[in-house]
Amino acid sequence: MNSILEELWYGNICPNTEWRETTKEAKMLMGYISDHYDSLQSTLTNKQKEMLEKFTDCHAELADINEREIFVYAFKLGARIAIEMLSLDI
């Protein structure tokens, strides 16, 4: 079995593509978002639909950036915790 670093090197670990189980609360919220989006779409002109589509694209891009930044922060924090734990005299 390869080490975690070897697995990362060979591309066998890719956190941003890993499946995460969705909570009941998140599923419910996604349903509300979908329902409201569909209701809104049905009332818009073509120009307004285009603007909404651009808005949702930008929002999705921002969410991706935020998720990446949170991952980097959490990874660094985990590494600092591990380093501190290794340096303790127990």
N, C-alpha and C. Protein backbone atom coordinates (compact mmCIF):
# COMPACT_ATOMS: atom_id res chain seq x y z
N MET A 1 0.84 -1.18 0.00
CA MET A 1 0.00 0.00 0.00
C MET A 1 0.88 1.25 0.00
N ASN A 2 0.56 2.21 -0.87
CA ASN A 2 1.31 3.45 -0.95
C ASN A 2 0.99 4.34 0.24
N SER A 3 1.95 5.21 0.56
CA SER A 3 1.70 6.20 1.61
C SER A 3 0.71 7.24 1.09
N ILE A 4 0.17 8.03 1.98
CA ILE A 4 -0.78 9.08 1.59
C ILE A 4 -0.12 10.06 0.63
N LEU A 5 1.16 10.35 0.84
CA LEU A 5 1.86 11.27 -0.06
C LEU A 5 2.03 10.67 -1.45
N GLU A 6 2.31 9.37 -1.52
CA GLU A 6 2.40 8.70 -2.82
C GLU A 6 1.04 8.68 -3.51
N GLU A 7 0.00 8.41 -2.76
CA GLU A 7 -1.35 8.42 -3.34
C GLU A 7 -1.69 9.80 -3.90
N LEU A 8 -1.32 10.84 -3.17
CA LEU A 8 -1.54 12.21 -3.63
C LEU A 8 -0.72 12.48 -4.89
N TRP A 9 0.54 12.06 -4.90
CA TRP A 9 1.42 12.26 -6.05
C TRP A 9 0.86 11.60 -7.31
N TYR A 10 0.37 10.38 -7.17
CA TYR A 10 -0.14 9.65 -8.33
C TYR A 10 -1.56 10.05 -8.73
N GLY A 11 -2.11 11.02 -8.03
CA GLY A 11 -3.44 11.52 -8.40
C GLY A 11 -4.58 10.64 -7.93
N ASN A 12 -4.29 9.74 -7.00
CA ASN A 12 -5.34 8.86 -6.49
C ASN A 12 -6.20 9.52 -5.43
N ILE A 13 -5.75 10.66 -4.94
CA ILE A 13 -6.52 11.42 -3.96
C ILE A 13 -6.84 12.77 -4.58
N CYS A 14 -8.11 13.05 -4.68
CA CYS A 14 -8.56 14.33 -5.24
C CYS A 14 -9.77 14.79 -4.44
N PRO A 15 -9.54 15.53 -3.34
CA PRO A 15 -10.63 15.88 -2.43
C PRO A 15 -11.78 16.64 -3.06
N ASN A 16 -11.51 17.46 -4.06
CA ASN A 16 -12.60 18.25 -4.64
C ASN A 16 -13.53 17.43 -5.52
N THR A 17 -13.19 16.19 -5.81
CA THR A 17 -14.08 15.35 -6.61
C THR A 17 -14.67 14.20 -5.80
N GLU A 18 -14.29 14.11 -4.53
CA GLU A 18 -14.80 13.04 -3.68
C GLU A 18 -16.27 13.27 -3.38
N TRP A 19 -17.02 12.20 -3.32
CA TRP A 19 -18.44 12.26 -3.01
C TRP A 19 -18.62 12.49 -1.52
N ARG A 20 -19.53 13.39 -1.18
CA ARG A 20 -19.87 13.64 0.21
C ARG A 20 -21.35 13.38 0.39
N GLU A 21 -21.67 12.67 1.45
CA GLU A 21 -23.08 12.39 1.73
C GLU A 21 -23.78 13.69 2.12
N THR A 22 -24.92 13.95 1.51
CA THR A 22 -25.67 15.16 1.78
C THR A 22 -26.59 14.92 2.97
N THR A 23 -26.62 15.88 3.87
CA THR A 23 -27.48 15.76 5.05
C THR A 23 -28.94 15.98 4.66
N LYS A 24 -29.82 15.56 5.53
CA LYS A 24 -31.26 15.75 5.31
C LYS A 24 -31.57 17.24 5.19
N GLU A 25 -30.94 18.04 6.04
CA GLU A 25 -31.15 19.48 6.02
C GLU A 25 -30.70 20.10 4.69
N ALA A 26 -29.55 19.66 4.19
CA ALA A 26 -29.05 20.19 2.91
C ALA A 26 -29.95 19.77 1.75
N LYS A 27 -30.43 18.52 1.78
CA LYS A 27 -31.34 18.05 0.72
C LYS A 27 -32.62 18.88 0.69
N MET A 28 -33.13 19.18 1.88
CA MET A 28 -34.35 19.98 1.97
C MET A 28 -34.11 21.38 1.41
N LEU A 29 -32.99 21.97 1.77
CA LEU A 29 -32.66 23.31 1.29
C LEU A 29 -32.46 23.32 -0.23
N MET A 30 -31.80 22.28 -0.77
CA MET A 30 -31.63 22.19 -2.22
C MET A 30 -32.98 22.09 -2.93
N GLY A 31 -33.92 21.39 -2.32
CA GLY A 31 -35.27 21.29 -2.88
C GLY A 31 -35.96 22.65 -2.92
N TYR A 32 -35.84 23.40 -1.82
CA TYR A 32 -36.41 24.75 -1.78
C TYR A 32 -35.79 25.65 -2.84
N ILE A 33 -34.48 25.59 -2.95
CA ILE A 33 -33.78 26.41 -3.94
C ILE A 33 -34.26 26.07 -5.34
N SER A 34 -34.36 24.78 -5.63
CA SER A 34 -34.82 24.34 -6.94
C SER A 34 -36.25 24.80 -7.23
N ASP A 35 -37.11 24.65 -6.25
CA ASP A 35 -38.51 25.07 -6.42
C ASP A 35 -38.61 26.57 -6.68
N HIS A 36 -37.90 27.35 -5.88
CA HIS A 36 -37.94 28.82 -6.04
C HIS A 36 -37.31 29.25 -7.37
N TYR A 37 -36.25 28.57 -7.75
CA TYR A 37 -35.58 28.88 -9.02
C TYR A 37 -36.56 28.62 -10.18
N ASP A 38 -37.20 27.48 -10.15
CA ASP A 38 -38.16 27.14 -11.21
C ASP A 38 -39.32 28.13 -11.25
N SER A 39 -39.83 28.50 -10.07
CA SER A 39 -40.93 29.48 -10.01
C SER A 39 -40.49 30.82 -10.59
N LEU A 40 -39.29 31.24 -10.21
CA LEU A 40 -38.77 32.51 -10.72
C LEU A 40 -38.55 32.45 -12.23
N GLN A 41 -37.96 31.38 -12.70
CA GLN A 41 -37.69 31.21 -14.14
C GLN A 41 -38.96 31.35 -14.97
N SER A 42 -40.05 30.82 -14.47
CA SER A 42 -41.30 30.83 -15.24
C SER A 42 -41.90 32.23 -15.37
N THR A 43 -41.43 33.18 -14.56
CA THR A 43 -41.98 34.54 -14.60
C THR A 43 -41.09 35.52 -15.34
N LEU A 44 -39.91 35.09 -15.77
CA LEU A 44 -38.93 36.01 -16.34
C LEU A 44 -39.00 36.09 -17.86
N THR A 45 -38.57 37.24 -18.37
CA THR A 45 -38.38 37.39 -19.81
C THR A 45 -37.09 36.67 -20.20
N ASN A 46 -36.86 36.53 -21.49
CA ASN A 46 -35.62 35.89 -21.95
C ASN A 46 -34.38 36.65 -21.48
N LYS A 47 -34.44 37.97 -21.53
CA LYS A 47 -33.31 38.81 -21.07
C LYS A 47 -33.06 38.60 -19.58
N GLN A 48 -34.12 38.55 -18.80
CA GLN A 48 -33.99 38.33 -17.36
C GLN A 48 -33.48 36.91 -17.05
N LYS A 49 -33.92 35.94 -17.84
CA LYS A 49 -33.43 34.57 -17.67
C LYS A 49 -31.93 34.51 -17.93
N GLU A 50 -31.47 35.25 -18.93
CA GLU A 50 -30.05 35.32 -19.25
C GLU A 50 -29.27 35.91 -18.07
N MET A 51 -29.81 36.99 -17.49
CA MET A 51 -29.15 37.63 -16.35
C MET A 51 -29.13 36.69 -15.14
N LEU A 52 -30.21 35.96 -14.91
CA LEU A 52 -30.25 35.01 -13.80
C LEU A 52 -29.23 33.90 -14.01
N GLU A 53 -29.11 33.45 -15.24
CA GLU A 53 -28.13 32.40 -15.56
C GLU A 53 -26.70 32.89 -15.29
N LYS A 54 -26.40 34.12 -15.68
CA LYS A 54 -25.08 34.69 -15.40
C LYS A 54 -24.85 34.82 -13.90
N PHE A 55 -25.90 35.23 -13.18
CA PHE A 55 -25.81 35.34 -11.73
C PHE A 55 -25.49 33.98 -11.10
N THR A 56 -26.22 32.94 -11.51
CA THR A 56 -26.00 31.61 -10.93
C THR A 56 -24.62 31.07 -11.29
N ASP A 57 -24.14 31.36 -12.50
CA ASP A 57 -22.79 30.94 -12.89
C ASP A 57 -21.73 31.61 -12.00
N CYS A 58 -21.89 32.92 -11.79
CA CYS A 58 -20.94 33.65 -10.94
C CYS A 58 -21.01 33.14 -9.49
N HIS A 59 -22.22 32.87 -9.03
CA HIS A 59 -22.38 32.37 -7.66
C HIS A 59 -21.71 31.01 -7.51
N ALA A 60 -21.85 30.14 -8.49
CA ALA A 60 -21.23 28.82 -8.45
C ALA A 60 -19.70 28.95 -8.47
N GLU A 61 -19.19 29.87 -9.27
CA GLU A 61 -17.74 30.09 -9.32
C GLU A 61 -17.22 30.59 -7.97
N LEU A 62 -17.96 31.50 -7.35
CA LEU A 62 -17.58 32.01 -6.04
C LEU A 62 -17.62 30.89 -4.99
N ALA A 63 -18.62 30.05 -5.06
CA ALA A 63 -18.72 28.92 -4.12
C ALA A 63 -17.52 27.99 -4.29
N ASP A 64 -17.08 27.74 -5.53
CA ASP A 64 -15.90 26.91 -5.78
C ASP A 64 -14.65 27.54 -5.17
N ILE A 65 -14.50 28.85 -5.34
CA ILE A 65 -13.34 29.55 -4.78
C ILE A 65 -13.37 29.45 -3.25
N ASN A 66 -14.53 29.69 -2.67
CA ASN A 66 -14.65 29.61 -1.21
C ASN A 66 -14.33 28.21 -0.69
N GLU A 67 -14.84 27.20 -1.38
CA GLU A 67 -14.58 25.82 -0.97
C GLU A 67 -13.09 25.51 -1.04
N ARG A 68 -12.42 25.98 -2.09
CA ARG A 68 -10.98 25.77 -2.22
C ARG A 68 -10.22 26.45 -1.08
N GLU A 69 -10.60 27.69 -0.77
CA GLU A 69 -9.93 28.43 0.29
C GLU A 69 -10.13 27.76 1.65
N ILE A 70 -11.33 27.27 1.89
CA ILE A 70 -11.60 26.56 3.15
C ILE A 70 -10.76 25.29 3.22
N PHE A 71 -10.65 24.57 2.12
CA PHE A 71 -9.85 23.35 2.08
C PHE A 71 -8.39 23.66 2.41
N VAL A 72 -7.84 24.69 1.78
CA VAL A 72 -6.44 25.06 2.01
C VAL A 72 -6.23 25.44 3.48
N TYR A 73 -7.14 26.26 4.01
CA TYR A 73 -7.04 26.67 5.41
C TYR A 73 -7.08 25.45 6.33
N ALA A 74 -8.04 24.56 6.11
CA ALA A 74 -8.20 23.39 6.96
C ALA A 74 -7.00 22.46 6.85
N PHE A 75 -6.44 22.31 5.66
CA PHE A 75 -5.27 21.46 5.47
C PHE A 75 -4.08 22.03 6.24
N LYS A 76 -3.88 23.34 6.13
CA LYS A 76 -2.78 23.98 6.86
C LYS A 76 -2.97 23.86 8.37
N LEU A 77 -4.20 24.05 8.82
CA LEU A 77 -4.49 23.93 10.25
C LEU A 77 -4.21 22.50 10.72
N GLY A 78 -4.65 21.52 9.96
CA GLY A 78 -4.38 20.13 10.31
C GLY A 78 -2.90 19.83 10.36
N ALA A 79 -2.14 20.38 9.41
CA ALA A 79 -0.69 20.17 9.40
C ALA A 79 -0.05 20.81 10.63
N ARG A 80 -0.50 22.01 10.99
CA ARG A 80 0.05 22.67 12.18
C ARG A 80 -0.27 21.88 13.45
N ILE A 81 -1.48 21.33 13.52
CA ILE A 81 -1.85 20.51 14.67
C ILE A 81 -0.96 19.27 14.74
N ALA A 82 -0.75 18.62 13.60
CA ALA A 82 0.09 17.42 13.56
C ALA A 82 1.52 17.75 13.98
N ILE A 83 2.05 18.85 13.50
CA ILE A 83 3.41 19.26 13.85
C ILE A 83 3.52 19.51 15.35
N GLU A 84 2.54 20.21 15.88
CA GLU A 84 2.55 20.48 17.32
C GLU A 84 2.46 19.20 18.12
N MET A 85 1.61 18.27 17.71
CA MET A 85 1.47 17.00 18.41
C MET A 85 2.78 16.21 18.38
N LEU A 86 3.48 16.25 17.25
CA LEU A 86 4.74 15.52 17.13
C LEU A 86 5.84 16.13 17.98
N SER A 87 5.71 17.42 18.28
CA SER A 87 6.77 18.10 19.04
C SER A 87 6.53 18.06 20.55
N LEU A 88 5.40 17.50 20.99
CA LEU A 88 5.12 17.42 22.42
C LEU A 88 6.00 16.37 23.09
N ASP A 89 6.44 16.68 24.28
CA ASP A 89 7.19 15.69 25.06
C ASP A 89 6.22 15.00 25.99
N ILE A 90 5.77 13.84 25.56
CA ILE A 90 4.78 13.10 26.36
C ILE A 90 5.45 11.90 26.98
